[in-house]
PDB file of all heavy atoms in Angstrom:
ATOM      1  N   PRO A   1      -2.925  -8.921   9.047  1.00  0.00           N
ATOM      2  CA  PRO A   1      -3.630  -7.869   9.710  1.00  0.00           C
ATOM      3  C   PRO A   1      -4.804  -8.332  10.475  1.00  0.00           C
ATOM      4  O   PRO A   1      -5.638  -9.305   9.963  1.00  0.00           O
ATOM      5  CB  PRO A   1      -4.012  -6.946   8.479  1.00  0.00           C
ATOM      6  CG  PRO A   1      -3.078  -7.304   7.397  1.00  0.00           C
ATOM      7  CD  PRO A   1      -2.801  -8.748   7.633  1.00  0.00           C
ATOM      8  N   SER A   2      -5.134  -7.874  11.514  1.00  0.00           N
ATOM      9  CA  SER A   2      -6.294  -8.189  12.358  1.00  0.00           C
ATOM     10  C   SER A   2      -6.548  -7.090  13.385  1.00  0.00           C
ATOM     11  O   SER A   2      -5.557  -6.462  13.909  1.00  0.00           O
ATOM     12  CB  SER A   2      -6.168  -9.499  13.127  1.00  0.00           C
ATOM     13  OG  SER A   2      -7.275  -9.760  13.853  1.00  0.00           O
ATOM     14  N   GLY A   3      -7.848  -6.920  13.724  1.00  0.00           N
ATOM     15  CA  GLY A   3      -8.200  -5.876  14.761  1.00  0.00           C
ATOM     16  C   GLY A   3      -7.934  -6.362  16.184  1.00  0.00           C
ATOM     17  O   GLY A   3      -7.889  -5.626  17.098  1.00  0.00           O
ATOM     18  N   ARG A   4      -7.690  -7.645  16.273  1.00  0.00           N
ATOM     19  CA  ARG A   4      -7.361  -8.318  17.713  1.00  0.00           C
ATOM     20  C   ARG A   4      -6.191  -9.156  17.581  1.00  0.00           C
ATOM     21  O   ARG A   4      -5.817  -9.719  16.472  1.00  0.00           O
ATOM     22  CB  ARG A   4      -8.575  -8.975  18.240  1.00  0.00           C
ATOM     23  CG  ARG A   4      -8.917 -10.230  17.577  1.00  0.00           C
ATOM     24  CD  ARG A   4     -10.149 -10.855  18.176  1.00  0.00           C
ATOM     25  NE  ARG A   4     -10.491 -12.149  17.484  1.00  0.00           N
ATOM     26  CZ  ARG A   4      -9.910 -13.289  17.988  1.00  0.00           C
ATOM     27  NH1 ARG A   4      -9.208 -13.362  19.078  1.00  0.00           N
ATOM     28  NH2 ARG A   4     -10.184 -14.413  17.436  1.00  0.00           N
ATOM     29  N   LEU A   5      -5.424  -9.385  18.755  1.00  0.00           N
ATOM     30  CA  LEU A   5      -4.434 -10.283  18.799  1.00  0.00           C
ATOM     31  C   LEU A   5      -4.782 -11.690  18.947  1.00  0.00           C
ATOM     32  O   LEU A   5      -5.602 -12.071  19.841  1.00  0.00           O
ATOM     33  CB  LEU A   5      -3.425  -9.876  19.957  1.00  0.00           C
ATOM     34  CG  LEU A   5      -2.158 -10.594  19.987  1.00  0.00           C
ATOM     35  CD1 LEU A   5      -1.193 -10.286  18.789  1.00  0.00           C
ATOM     36  CD2 LEU A   5      -1.394 -10.170  21.346  1.00  0.00           C
ATOM     37  N   SER A   6      -4.359 -12.638  18.093  1.00  0.00           N
ATOM     38  CA  SER A   6      -4.674 -14.044  18.217  1.00  0.00           C
ATOM     39  C   SER A   6      -3.484 -14.815  17.730  1.00  0.00           C
ATOM     40  O   SER A   6      -2.554 -14.372  17.089  1.00  0.00           O
ATOM     41  CB  SER A   6      -5.904 -14.313  17.317  1.00  0.00           C
ATOM     42  OG  SER A   6      -5.581 -14.136  15.964  1.00  0.00           O
ATOM     43  N   LEU A   7      -3.463 -16.103  18.033  1.00  0.00           N
ATOM     44  CA  LEU A   7      -2.468 -17.148  17.714  1.00  0.00           C
ATOM     45  C   LEU A   7      -3.036 -18.404  17.343  1.00  0.00           C
ATOM     46  O   LEU A   7      -3.783 -18.947  18.066  1.00  0.00           O
ATOM     47  CB  LEU A   7      -1.452 -17.223  18.805  1.00  0.00           C
ATOM     48  CG  LEU A   7      -0.326 -18.319  18.616  1.00  0.00           C
ATOM     49  CD1 LEU A   7       0.622 -17.864  17.388  1.00  0.00           C
ATOM     50  CD2 LEU A   7       0.445 -18.473  19.858  1.00  0.00           C
ATOM     51  N   ARG A   8      -2.647 -18.855  16.084  1.00  0.00           N
ATOM     52  CA  ARG A   8      -3.056 -20.206  15.630  1.00  0.00           C
ATOM     53  C   ARG A   8      -1.784 -21.081  15.563  1.00  0.00           C
ATOM     54  O   ARG A   8      -0.805 -20.684  14.911  1.00  0.00           O
ATOM     55  CB  ARG A   8      -3.735 -20.226  14.286  1.00  0.00           C
ATOM     56  CG  ARG A   8      -4.142 -21.502  13.728  1.00  0.00           C
ATOM     57  CD  ARG A   8      -5.050 -21.383  12.425  1.00  0.00           C
ATOM     58  NE  ARG A   8      -4.420 -20.584  11.472  1.00  0.00           N
ATOM     59  CZ  ARG A   8      -3.550 -21.172  10.586  1.00  0.00           C
ATOM     60  NH1 ARG A   8      -3.180 -22.428  10.623  1.00  0.00           N
ATOM     61  NH2 ARG A   8      -3.045 -20.452   9.586  1.00  0.00           N
ATOM     62  N   VAL A   9      -1.766 -22.239  16.178  1.00  0.00           N
ATOM     63  CA  VAL A   9      -0.558 -23.082  16.226  1.00  0.00           C
ATOM     64  C   VAL A   9      -0.848 -24.460  15.457  1.00  0.00           C
ATOM     65  O   VAL A   9      -1.935 -25.041  15.557  1.00  0.00           O
ATOM     66  CB  VAL A   9      -0.210 -23.499  17.699  1.00  0.00           C
ATOM     67  CG1 VAL A   9       1.044 -24.349  17.707  1.00  0.00           C
ATOM     68  CG2 VAL A   9      -0.037 -22.197  18.590  1.00  0.00           C
ATOM     69  N   SER A  10       0.084 -24.710  14.654  1.00  0.00           N
ATOM     70  CA  SER A  10       0.070 -25.999  13.841  1.00  0.00           C
ATOM     71  C   SER A  10       1.355 -26.651  13.846  1.00  0.00           C
ATOM     72  O   SER A  10       2.310 -26.199  14.566  1.00  0.00           O
ATOM     73  CB  SER A  10      -0.442 -25.716  12.443  1.00  0.00           C
ATOM     74  OG  SER A  10       0.486 -24.821  11.805  1.00  0.00           O
ATOM     75  N   GLY A  11       1.529 -27.692  12.975  1.00  0.00           N
ATOM     76  CA  GLY A  11       2.822 -28.388  12.881  1.00  0.00           C
ATOM     77  C   GLY A  11       2.933 -29.666  13.608  1.00  0.00           C
ATOM     78  O   GLY A  11       2.005 -29.865  14.527  1.00  0.00           O
ATOM     79  N   PRO A  12       3.958 -30.449  13.441  1.00  0.00           N
ATOM     80  CA  PRO A  12       4.121 -31.701  14.125  1.00  0.00           C
ATOM     81  C   PRO A  12       4.113 -31.693  15.660  1.00  0.00           C
ATOM     82  O   PRO A  12       3.855 -32.642  16.314  1.00  0.00           O
ATOM     83  CB  PRO A  12       5.345 -32.323  13.485  1.00  0.00           C
ATOM     84  CG  PRO A  12       6.069 -31.112  12.923  1.00  0.00           C
ATOM     85  CD  PRO A  12       5.038 -30.174  12.520  1.00  0.00           C
ATOM     86  N   PHE A  13       4.591 -30.562  16.231  1.00  0.00           N
ATOM     87  CA  PHE A  13       4.753 -30.416  17.670  1.00  0.00           C
ATOM     88  C   PHE A  13       3.705 -29.363  18.212  1.00  0.00           C
ATOM     89  O   PHE A  13       3.863 -28.927  19.335  1.00  0.00           O
ATOM     90  CB  PHE A  13       6.146 -30.045  18.072  1.00  0.00           C
ATOM     91  CG  PHE A  13       7.037 -31.171  17.727  1.00  0.00           C
ATOM     92  CD1 PHE A  13       7.885 -31.023  16.631  1.00  0.00           C
ATOM     93  CD2 PHE A  13       7.242 -32.307  18.417  1.00  0.00           C
ATOM     94  CE1 PHE A  13       8.783 -32.054  16.284  1.00  0.00           C
ATOM     95  CE2 PHE A  13       8.106 -33.311  18.178  1.00  0.00           C
ATOM     96  CZ  PHE A  13       8.910 -33.238  17.038  1.00  0.00           C
ATOM     97  N   GLY A  14       2.748 -28.896  17.430  1.00  0.00           N
ATOM     98  CA  GLY A  14       1.841 -27.834  17.820  1.00  0.00           C
ATOM     99  C   GLY A  14       0.985 -28.209  18.884  1.00  0.00           C
ATOM    100  O   GLY A  14       0.658 -27.313  19.752  1.00  0.00           O
ATOM    101  N   GLU A  15       0.608 -29.475  19.046  1.00  0.00           N
ATOM    102  CA  GLU A  15      -0.361 -29.835  20.079  1.00  0.00           C
ATOM    103  C   GLU A  15       0.308 -29.798  21.485  1.00  0.00           C
ATOM    104  O   GLU A  15      -0.455 -29.920  22.479  1.00  0.00           O
ATOM    105  CB  GLU A  15      -0.874 -31.178  19.794  1.00  0.00           C
ATOM    106  CG  GLU A  15      -1.834 -31.320  18.580  1.00  0.00           C
ATOM    107  CD  GLU A  15      -2.418 -32.696  18.399  1.00  0.00           C
ATOM    108  OE1 GLU A  15      -2.064 -33.572  19.180  1.00  0.00           O
ATOM    109  OE2 GLU A  15      -3.255 -32.837  17.429  1.00  0.00           O
ATOM    110  N   LEU A  16       1.533 -29.725  21.453  1.00  0.00           N
ATOM    111  CA  LEU A  16       2.324 -29.782  22.769  1.00  0.00           C
ATOM    112  C   LEU A  16       2.600 -28.443  23.526  1.00  0.00           C
ATOM    113  O   LEU A  16       3.101 -28.402  24.466  1.00  0.00           O
ATOM    114  CB  LEU A  16       3.645 -30.450  22.619  1.00  0.00           C
ATOM    115  CG  LEU A  16       3.574 -31.884  21.958  1.00  0.00           C
ATOM    116  CD1 LEU A  16       5.090 -32.527  21.687  1.00  0.00           C
ATOM    117  CD2 LEU A  16       2.795 -32.848  22.937  1.00  0.00           C
ATOM    118  N   ILE A  17       2.223 -27.418  22.733  1.00  0.00           N
ATOM    119  CA  ILE A  17       2.467 -26.024  23.246  1.00  0.00           C
ATOM    120  C   ILE A  17       1.198 -25.278  23.450  1.00  0.00           C
ATOM    121  O   ILE A  17       0.241 -25.499  22.726  1.00  0.00           O
ATOM    122  CB  ILE A  17       3.492 -25.312  22.406  1.00  0.00           C
ATOM    123  CG1 ILE A  17       2.921 -24.967  21.038  1.00  0.00           C
ATOM    124  CG2 ILE A  17       4.791 -25.966  22.361  1.00  0.00           C
ATOM    125  CD1 ILE A  17       3.804 -24.045  20.263  1.00  0.00           C
ATOM    126  N   PRO A  18       1.191 -24.339  24.402  1.00  0.00           N
ATOM    127  CA  PRO A  18      -0.104 -23.436  24.614  1.00  0.00           C
ATOM    128  C   PRO A  18      -0.306 -22.537  23.548  1.00  0.00           C
ATOM    129  O   PRO A  18       0.676 -22.020  22.978  1.00  0.00           O
ATOM    130  CB  PRO A  18       0.182 -22.954  25.983  1.00  0.00           C
ATOM    131  CG  PRO A  18       1.654 -22.740  25.990  1.00  0.00           C
ATOM    132  CD  PRO A  18       2.204 -23.968  25.428  1.00  0.00           C
ATOM    133  N   ASP A  19      -1.562 -22.112  23.178  1.00  0.00           N
ATOM    134  CA  ASP A  19      -1.820 -21.136  22.241  1.00  0.00           C
ATOM    135  C   ASP A  19      -2.431 -19.973  22.913  1.00  0.00           C
ATOM    136  O   ASP A  19      -2.881 -18.951  22.271  1.00  0.00           O
ATOM    137  CB  ASP A  19      -2.724 -21.639  21.102  1.00  0.00           C
ATOM    138  CG  ASP A  19      -4.160 -22.143  21.555  1.00  0.00           C
ATOM    139  OD1 ASP A  19      -4.334 -22.078  22.752  1.00  0.00           O
ATOM    140  OD2 ASP A  19      -4.818 -22.600  20.702  1.00  0.00           O
ATOM    141  N   GLY A  20      -2.368 -19.888  24.306  1.00  0.00           N
ATOM    142  CA  GLY A  20      -2.919 -18.891  25.093  1.00  0.00           C
ATOM    143  C   GLY A  20      -1.790 -17.922  25.538  1.00  0.00           C
ATOM    144  O   GLY A  20      -0.745 -17.896  25.056  1.00  0.00           O
ATOM    145  N   GLY A  21      -2.114 -17.277  26.661  1.00  0.00           N
ATOM    146  CA  GLY A  21      -1.287 -16.221  27.159  1.00  0.00           C
ATOM    147  C   GLY A  21       0.142 -16.717  27.639  1.00  0.00           C
ATOM    148  O   GLY A  21       1.079 -15.959  27.780  1.00  0.00           O
ATOM    149  N   ASP A  22       0.325 -18.006  27.911  1.00  0.00           N
ATOM    150  CA  ASP A  22       1.582 -18.464  28.336  1.00  0.00           C
ATOM    151  C   ASP A  22       2.555 -18.741  27.100  1.00  0.00           C
ATOM    152  O   ASP A  22       3.718 -18.926  27.331  1.00  0.00           O
ATOM    153  CB  ASP A  22       1.502 -19.878  29.048  1.00  0.00           C
ATOM    154  CG  ASP A  22       0.826 -19.686  30.459  1.00  0.00           C
ATOM    155  OD1 ASP A  22       0.934 -18.536  30.992  1.00  0.00           O
ATOM    156  OD2 ASP A  22       0.284 -20.653  30.914  1.00  0.00           O
ATOM    157  N   ASN A  23       2.118 -18.660  25.904  1.00  0.00           N
ATOM    158  CA  ASN A  23       2.926 -18.825  24.764  1.00  0.00           C
ATOM    159  C   ASN A  23       3.841 -17.654  24.667  1.00  0.00           C
ATOM    160  O   ASN A  23       3.456 -16.445  24.635  1.00  0.00           O
ATOM    161  CB  ASN A  23       2.038 -19.024  23.472  1.00  0.00           C
ATOM    162  CG  ASN A  23       2.895 -19.400  22.346  1.00  0.00           C
ATOM    163  OD1 ASN A  23       3.658 -18.637  21.796  1.00  0.00           O
ATOM    164  ND2 ASN A  23       2.840 -20.633  21.924  1.00  0.00           N
ATOM    165  N   LEU A  24       5.112 -17.910  24.325  1.00  0.00           N
ATOM    166  CA  LEU A  24       6.145 -16.872  24.299  1.00  0.00           C
ATOM    167  C   LEU A  24       5.794 -15.891  23.118  1.00  0.00           C
ATOM    168  O   LEU A  24       6.179 -14.694  23.187  1.00  0.00           O
ATOM    169  CB  LEU A  24       7.478 -17.386  24.192  1.00  0.00           C
ATOM    170  CG  LEU A  24       8.244 -17.660  25.490  1.00  0.00           C
ATOM    171  CD1 LEU A  24       9.604 -18.320  25.220  1.00  0.00           C
ATOM    172  CD2 LEU A  24       8.442 -16.436  26.300  1.00  0.00           C
ATOM    173  N   VAL A  25       5.257 -16.338  22.044  1.00  0.00           N
ATOM    174  CA  VAL A  25       4.844 -15.507  20.930  1.00  0.00           C
ATOM    175  C   VAL A  25       3.912 -14.460  21.322  1.00  0.00           C
ATOM    176  O   VAL A  25       4.118 -13.241  21.032  1.00  0.00           O
ATOM    177  CB  VAL A  25       4.338 -16.385  19.754  1.00  0.00           C
ATOM    178  CG1 VAL A  25       3.723 -15.460  18.646  1.00  0.00           C
ATOM    179  CG2 VAL A  25       5.417 -17.238  19.130  1.00  0.00           C
ATOM    180  N   LEU A  26       2.863 -14.778  22.043  1.00  0.00           N
ATOM    181  CA  LEU A  26       1.795 -13.836  22.479  1.00  0.00           C
ATOM    182  C   LEU A  26       2.504 -12.935  23.662  1.00  0.00           C
ATOM    183  O   LEU A  26       2.113 -11.764  23.716  1.00  0.00           O
ATOM    184  CB  LEU A  26       0.620 -14.533  23.079  1.00  0.00           C
ATOM    185  CG  LEU A  26      -0.264 -15.175  22.014  1.00  0.00           C
ATOM    186  CD1 LEU A  26      -1.394 -15.957  22.611  1.00  0.00           C
ATOM    187  CD2 LEU A  26      -0.822 -14.116  21.040  1.00  0.00           C
ATOM    188  N   ARG A  27       3.322 -13.521  24.489  1.00  0.00           N
ATOM    189  CA  ARG A  27       3.939 -12.695  25.408  1.00  0.00           C
ATOM    190  C   ARG A  27       4.897 -11.616  24.816  1.00  0.00           C
ATOM    191  O   ARG A  27       4.893 -10.437  25.219  1.00  0.00           O
ATOM    192  CB  ARG A  27       4.741 -13.479  26.426  1.00  0.00           C
ATOM    193  CG  ARG A  27       3.858 -14.361  27.454  1.00  0.00           C
ATOM    194  CD  ARG A  27       4.674 -15.344  28.285  1.00  0.00           C
ATOM    195  NE  ARG A  27       5.775 -14.564  28.957  1.00  0.00           N
ATOM    196  CZ  ARG A  27       6.797 -15.234  29.573  1.00  0.00           C
ATOM    197  NH1 ARG A  27       6.855 -16.583  29.510  1.00  0.00           N
ATOM    198  NH2 ARG A  27       7.770 -14.584  30.214  1.00  0.00           N
ATOM    199  N   ALA A  28       5.514 -12.018  23.726  1.00  0.00           N
ATOM    200  CA  ALA A  28       6.409 -11.105  23.010  1.00  0.00           C
ATOM    201  C   ALA A  28       5.591  -9.983  22.389  1.00  0.00           C
ATOM    202  O   ALA A  28       5.916  -8.791  22.437  1.00  0.00           O
ATOM    203  CB  ALA A  28       7.180 -11.813  21.883  1.00  0.00           C
ATOM    204  N   ALA A  29       4.422 -10.350  21.844  1.00  0.00           N
ATOM    205  CA  ALA A  29       3.509  -9.324  21.263  1.00  0.00           C
ATOM    206  C   ALA A  29       2.978  -8.368  22.279  1.00  0.00           C
ATOM    207  O   ALA A  29       2.968  -7.110  22.101  1.00  0.00           O
ATOM    208  CB  ALA A  29       2.340  -9.993  20.570  1.00  0.00           C
ATOM    209  N   GLY A  30       2.643  -8.824  23.427  1.00  0.00           N
ATOM    210  CA  GLY A  30       2.133  -8.059  24.533  1.00  0.00           C
ATOM    211  C   GLY A  30       3.156  -7.065  25.060  1.00  0.00           C
ATOM    212  O   GLY A  30       2.946  -5.937  25.407  1.00  0.00           O
ATOM    213  N   LEU A  31       4.504  -7.576  25.017  1.00  0.00           N
ATOM    214  CA  LEU A  31       5.565  -6.805  25.513  1.00  0.00           C
ATOM    215  C   LEU A  31       5.918  -5.612  24.454  1.00  0.00           C
ATOM    216  O   LEU A  31       6.108  -4.515  24.950  1.00  0.00           O
ATOM    217  CB  LEU A  31       6.824  -7.586  25.689  1.00  0.00           C
ATOM    218  CG  LEU A  31       8.052  -6.983  26.393  1.00  0.00           C
ATOM    219  CD1 LEU A  31       7.669  -6.753  27.850  1.00  0.00           C
ATOM    220  CD2 LEU A  31       9.293  -7.889  26.269  1.00  0.00           C
ATOM    221  N   LEU A  32       5.700  -5.876  23.247  1.00  0.00           N
ATOM    222  CA  LEU A  32       5.991  -4.914  22.260  1.00  0.00           C
ATOM    223  C   LEU A  32       4.995  -3.844  22.162  1.00  0.00           C
ATOM    224  O   LEU A  32       5.172  -2.717  22.054  1.00  0.00           O
ATOM    225  CB  LEU A  32       6.128  -5.677  20.862  1.00  0.00           C
ATOM    226  CG  LEU A  32       6.650  -4.884  19.570  1.00  0.00           C
ATOM    227  CD1 LEU A  32       8.076  -4.385  19.841  1.00  0.00           C
ATOM    228  CD2 LEU A  32       6.481  -5.735  18.403  1.00  0.00           C
ATOM    229  N   HIS A  33       3.640  -4.266  22.150  1.00  0.00           N
ATOM    230  CA  HIS A  33       2.497  -3.288  22.080  1.00  0.00           C
ATOM    231  C   HIS A  33       1.286  -4.024  22.696  1.00  0.00           C
ATOM    232  O   HIS A  33       0.785  -4.906  22.138  1.00  0.00           O
ATOM    233  CB  HIS A  33       2.230  -2.895  20.736  1.00  0.00           C
ATOM    234  CG  HIS A  33       1.419  -1.599  20.688  1.00  0.00           C
ATOM    235  ND1 HIS A  33       0.095  -1.585  21.103  1.00  0.00           N
ATOM    236  CD2 HIS A  33       1.763  -0.396  20.218  1.00  0.00           C
ATOM    237  CE1 HIS A  33      -0.260  -0.342  20.966  1.00  0.00           C
ATOM    238  NE2 HIS A  33       0.629   0.428  20.415  1.00  0.00           N
ATOM    239  N   PRO A  34       0.935  -3.651  23.982  1.00  0.00           N
ATOM    240  CA  PRO A  34      -0.024  -4.443  24.689  1.00  0.00           C
ATOM    241  C   PRO A  34      -1.476  -4.310  24.126  1.00  0.00           C
ATOM    242  O   PRO A  34      -2.321  -5.124  24.552  1.00  0.00           O
ATOM    243  CB  PRO A  34       0.033  -3.796  26.124  1.00  0.00           C
ATOM    244  CG  PRO A  34       0.655  -2.435  25.932  1.00  0.00           C
ATOM    245  CD  PRO A  34       1.479  -2.625  24.808  1.00  0.00           C
ATOM    246  N   HIS A  35      -1.766  -3.357  23.253  1.00  0.00           N
ATOM    247  CA  HIS A  35      -3.163  -3.196  22.823  1.00  0.00           C
ATOM    248  C   HIS A  35      -3.343  -3.275  21.341  1.00  0.00           C
ATOM    249  O   HIS A  35      -4.469  -2.993  20.870  1.00  0.00           O
ATOM    250  CB  HIS A  35      -3.660  -1.810  23.371  1.00  0.00           C
ATOM    251  CG  HIS A  35      -3.486  -1.667  24.790  1.00  0.00           C
ATOM    252  ND1 HIS A  35      -4.091  -2.407  25.707  1.00  0.00           N
ATOM    253  CD2 HIS A  35      -2.676  -0.651  25.436  1.00  0.00           C
ATOM    254  CE1 HIS A  35      -3.785  -1.932  26.960  1.00  0.00           C
ATOM    255  NE2 HIS A  35      -2.966  -0.916  26.788  1.00  0.00           N
ATOM    256  N   ALA A  36      -2.340  -3.634  20.604  1.00  0.00           N
ATOM    257  CA  ALA A  36      -2.476  -3.767  19.061  1.00  0.00           C
ATOM    258  C   ALA A  36      -2.902  -5.134  18.696  1.00  0.00           C
ATOM    259  O   ALA A  36      -2.841  -6.048  19.474  1.00  0.00           O
ATOM    260  CB  ALA A  36      -1.142  -3.462  18.440  1.00  0.00           C
ATOM    261  N   GLY A  37      -3.483  -5.163  17.491  1.00  0.00           N
ATOM    262  CA  GLY A  37      -4.023  -6.519  16.921  1.00  0.00           C
ATOM    263  C   GLY A  37      -3.098  -6.983  15.885  1.00  0.00           C
ATOM    264  O   GLY A  37      -2.484  -6.303  15.151  1.00  0.00           O
ATOM    265  N   ALA A  38      -3.170  -8.339  15.680  1.00  0.00           N
ATOM    266  CA  ALA A  38      -2.539  -9.002  14.585  1.00  0.00           C
ATOM    267  C   ALA A  38      -2.905 -10.537  14.706  1.00  0.00           C
ATOM    268  O   ALA A  38      -3.169 -11.033  15.822  1.00  0.00           O
ATOM    269  CB  ALA A  38      -1.021  -8.953  14.655  1.00  0.00           C
ATOM    270  N   ALA A  39      -3.151 -11.146  13.620  1.00  0.00           N
ATOM    271  CA  ALA A  39      -3.380 -12.580  13.576  1.00  0.00           C
ATOM    272  C   ALA A  39      -2.018 -13.299  13.357  1.00  0.00           C
ATOM    273  O   ALA A  39      -1.463 -13.258  12.236  1.00  0.00           O
ATOM    274  CB  ALA A  39      -4.321 -12.940  12.406  1.00  0.00           C
ATOM    275  N   LEU A  40      -1.570 -13.973  14.418  1.00  0.00           N
ATOM    276  CA  LEU A  40      -0.245 -14.600  14.401  1.00  0.00           C
ATOM    277  C   LEU A  40      -0.514 -16.175  14.109  1.00  0.00           C
ATOM    278  O   LEU A  40      -1.422 -16.693  14.559  1.00  0.00           O
ATOM    279  CB  LEU A  40       0.552 -14.424  15.686  1.00  0.00           C
ATOM    280  CG  LEU A  40       0.932 -13.046  15.961  1.00  0.00           C
ATOM    281  CD1 LEU A  40       1.244 -12.939  17.513  1.00  0.00           C
ATOM    282  CD2 LEU A  40       2.250 -12.748  15.163  1.00  0.00           C
ATOM    283  N   ARG A  41       0.415 -16.760  13.433  1.00  0.00           N
ATOM    284  CA  ARG A  41       0.403 -18.203  13.278  1.00  0.00           C
ATOM    285  C   ARG A  41       1.755 -18.747  13.505  1.00  0.00           C
ATOM    286  O   ARG A  41       2.768 -18.115  13.204  1.00  0.00           O
ATOM    287  CB  ARG A  41      -0.147 -18.572  11.936  1.00  0.00           C
ATOM    288  CG  ARG A  41       0.709 -18.045  10.791  1.00  0.00           C
ATOM    289  CD  ARG A  41       0.011 -18.476   9.394  1.00  0.00           C
ATOM    290  NE  ARG A  41       0.872 -17.915   8.234  1.00  0.00           N
ATOM    291  CZ  ARG A  41       0.819 -16.684   7.849  1.00  0.00           C
ATOM    292  NH1 ARG A  41       0.134 -15.811   8.315  1.00  0.00           N
ATOM    293  NH2 ARG A  41       1.609 -16.418   6.801  1.00  0.00           N
ATOM    294  N   LEU A  42       1.848 -19.959  14.088  1.00  0.00           N
ATOM    295  CA  LEU A  42       3.100 -20.568  14.374  1.00  0.00           C
ATOM    296  C   LEU A  42       3.052 -22.037  13.962  1.00  0.00           C
ATOM    297  O   LEU A  42       2.126 -22.764  14.353  1.00  0.00           O
ATOM    298  CB  LEU A  42       3.319 -20.560  15.937  1.00  0.00           C
ATOM    299  CG  LEU A  42       4.423 -21.490  16.537  1.00  0.00           C
ATOM    300  CD1 LEU A  42       5.752 -21.028  15.976  1.00  0.00           C
ATOM    301  CD2 LEU A  42       4.440 -21.302  18.105  1.00  0.00           C
ATOM    302  N   GLN A  43       3.898 -22.394  13.077  1.00  0.00           N
ATOM    303  CA  GLN A  43       4.049 -23.792  12.697  1.00  0.00           C
ATOM    304  C   GLN A  43       5.227 -24.377  13.443  1.00  0.00           C
ATOM    305  O   GLN A  43       6.323 -23.968  13.249  1.00  0.00           O
ATOM    306  CB  GLN A  43       4.379 -23.859  11.173  1.00  0.00           C
ATOM    307  CG  GLN A  43       4.499 -25.344  10.701  1.00  0.00           C
ATOM    308  CD  GLN A  43       4.673 -25.400   9.235  1.00  0.00           C
ATOM    309  OE1 GLN A  43       4.000 -24.809   8.409  1.00  0.00           O
ATOM    310  NE2 GLN A  43       5.687 -26.159   8.780  1.00  0.00           N
ATOM    311  N   LYS A  44       4.892 -25.309  14.378  1.00  0.00           N
ATOM    312  CA  LYS A  44       5.873 -25.783  15.354  1.00  0.00           C
ATOM    313  C   LYS A  44       6.473 -26.979  14.755  1.00  0.00           C
ATOM    314  O   LYS A  44       6.047 -28.098  14.880  1.00  0.00           O
ATOM    315  CB  LYS A  44       5.152 -26.065  16.639  1.00  0.00           C
ATOM    316  CG  LYS A  44       6.149 -26.245  17.835  1.00  0.00           C
ATOM    317  CD  LYS A  44       6.832 -25.072  18.113  1.00  0.00           C
ATOM    318  CE  LYS A  44       7.975 -25.246  19.263  1.00  0.00           C
ATOM    319  NZ  LYS A  44       8.872 -24.195  19.286  1.00  0.00           N
TER     320      LYS A  44
END
C-alpha cells in the first residue's frame, strides 16, 4: 500500500531496465488506473 505510485527494481538484471515511465510495470499500472497509488517492486 502507498499513496503514490512507485517502482523499485532489484535482482541480477535490475540495473539493465528502466524504473521510470518506460517500464512496462508502471505502464500497466497507469493503464489500469492512472491516478491510484501503490509501491511496486520488481526483482529482475
